[in-house]
């Protein structure tokens, strides 16, 4: 199973919006969506504090907020295709 990481923060309403977009997409593609709170690490907090939510893909590609369902579907498709090439 492929895994994407969603970097989130505490009490982040944009992160809730992102989860609502991402979860159905990743479930339909049988991907795991790992949620990581940036406040658990000084390194993550420094890197993402001004850009959460951010979704990170296995290839290393990242997409920060704002994003649309269509943009995420395109990125997932690209990731799926690159795995088989």
Protein backbone atom coordinates (compact mmCIF):
# COMPACT_ATOMS: atom_id res chain seq x y z
CA UNK A 1 0.00 0.00 0.00
CA UNK A 2 1.29 3.44 -0.91
CA UNK A 3 1.43 6.11 1.79
CA UNK A 4 1.08 9.87 1.63
CA UNK A 5 1.76 12.13 4.59
CA UNK A 6 -0.45 15.05 5.57
CA UNK A 7 1.38 17.57 7.72
CA UNK A 8 -1.10 19.29 10.02
CA UNK A 9 -1.18 21.51 13.08
CA UNK A 10 -3.17 21.75 16.26
CA UNK A 11 -6.59 23.40 15.91
CA UNK A 12 -5.97 24.01 12.20
CA UNK A 13 -9.27 24.54 10.35
CA UNK A 14 -7.53 24.46 6.97
CA UNK A 15 -6.13 21.05 7.92
CA UNK A 16 -9.69 19.85 8.51
CA UNK A 17 -10.67 21.08 5.04
CA UNK A 18 -7.65 19.27 3.58
CA UNK A 19 -8.54 16.01 5.35
CA UNK A 20 -12.06 16.21 3.92
CA UNK A 21 -10.63 16.51 0.41
CA UNK A 22 -7.84 13.95 0.79
CA UNK A 23 -9.36 11.07 2.74
CA UNK A 24 -11.94 9.99 0.11
CA UNK A 25 -9.37 10.23 -2.69
CA UNK A 26 -6.76 8.15 -0.91
CA UNK A 27 -9.32 5.60 0.30
CA UNK A 28 -10.61 5.11 -3.25
CA UNK A 29 -7.05 4.52 -4.49
CA UNK A 30 -6.21 2.25 -1.54
CA UNK A 31 -3.51 4.57 -0.28
CA UNK A 32 -2.74 5.15 3.38
CA UNK A 33 -2.90 8.78 4.54
CA UNK A 34 -0.65 9.31 7.53
CA UNK A 35 -1.37 12.49 9.50
CA UNK A 36 1.61 14.07 11.23
CA UNK A 37 1.24 17.02 13.58
CA UNK A 38 4.16 19.37 12.98
CA UNK A 39 4.15 20.33 16.66
CA UNK A 40 5.68 16.96 17.53
CA UNK A 41 9.04 17.99 16.06
CA UNK A 42 11.05 21.21 16.05
CA UNK A 43 12.31 20.34 12.56
CA UNK A 44 8.79 19.84 11.16
CA UNK A 45 7.49 22.96 12.90
CA UNK A 46 10.29 25.04 11.42
CA UNK A 47 9.81 23.61 7.92
CA UNK A 48 6.00 23.71 7.70
CA UNK A 49 4.73 26.26 10.23
CA UNK A 50 3.69 28.80 7.60
CA UNK A 51 2.44 26.36 4.99
CA UNK A 52 0.24 23.69 6.61
CA UNK A 53 -1.60 21.72 5.55
CA UNK A 54 0.91 20.07 3.23
CA UNK A 55 0.52 16.66 1.59
CA UNK A 56 3.71 14.78 0.77
CA UNK A 57 3.86 11.95 -1.78
CA UNK A 58 6.18 8.92 -1.92
CA UNK A 59 8.20 10.53 -4.74
CA UNK A 60 8.98 13.50 -2.49
CA UNK A 61 6.58 15.83 -4.28
CA UNK A 62 4.65 18.09 -1.93
CA UNK A 63 1.52 20.17 -2.37
CA UNK A 64 0.68 22.86 0.14
CA UNK A 65 -2.65 24.49 0.77
CA UNK A 66 -4.63 25.60 -1.12
CA UNK A 67 -5.32 22.57 -3.28
CA UNK A 68 -8.32 21.14 -5.02
CA UNK A 69 -9.64 17.62 -5.34
CA UNK A 70 -8.70 17.70 -9.02
CA UNK A 71 -5.11 18.72 -8.29
CA UNK A 72 -4.72 15.91 -5.78
CA UNK A 73 -6.28 13.34 -8.11
CA UNK A 74 -3.79 14.38 -10.80
CA UNK A 75 -0.87 14.05 -8.38
CA UNK A 76 -2.04 10.62 -7.20
CA UNK A 77 -2.40 9.48 -10.81
CA UNK A 78 1.10 10.73 -11.58
CA UNK A 79 2.47 8.89 -8.54
CA UNK A 80 0.68 5.67 -9.52
CA UNK A 81 2.02 5.87 -13.06
CA UNK A 82 5.58 6.62 -11.97
CA UNK A 83 5.67 3.58 -9.71
CA UNK A 84 5.07 1.27 -12.67
CA UNK A 85 7.51 2.98 -15.08
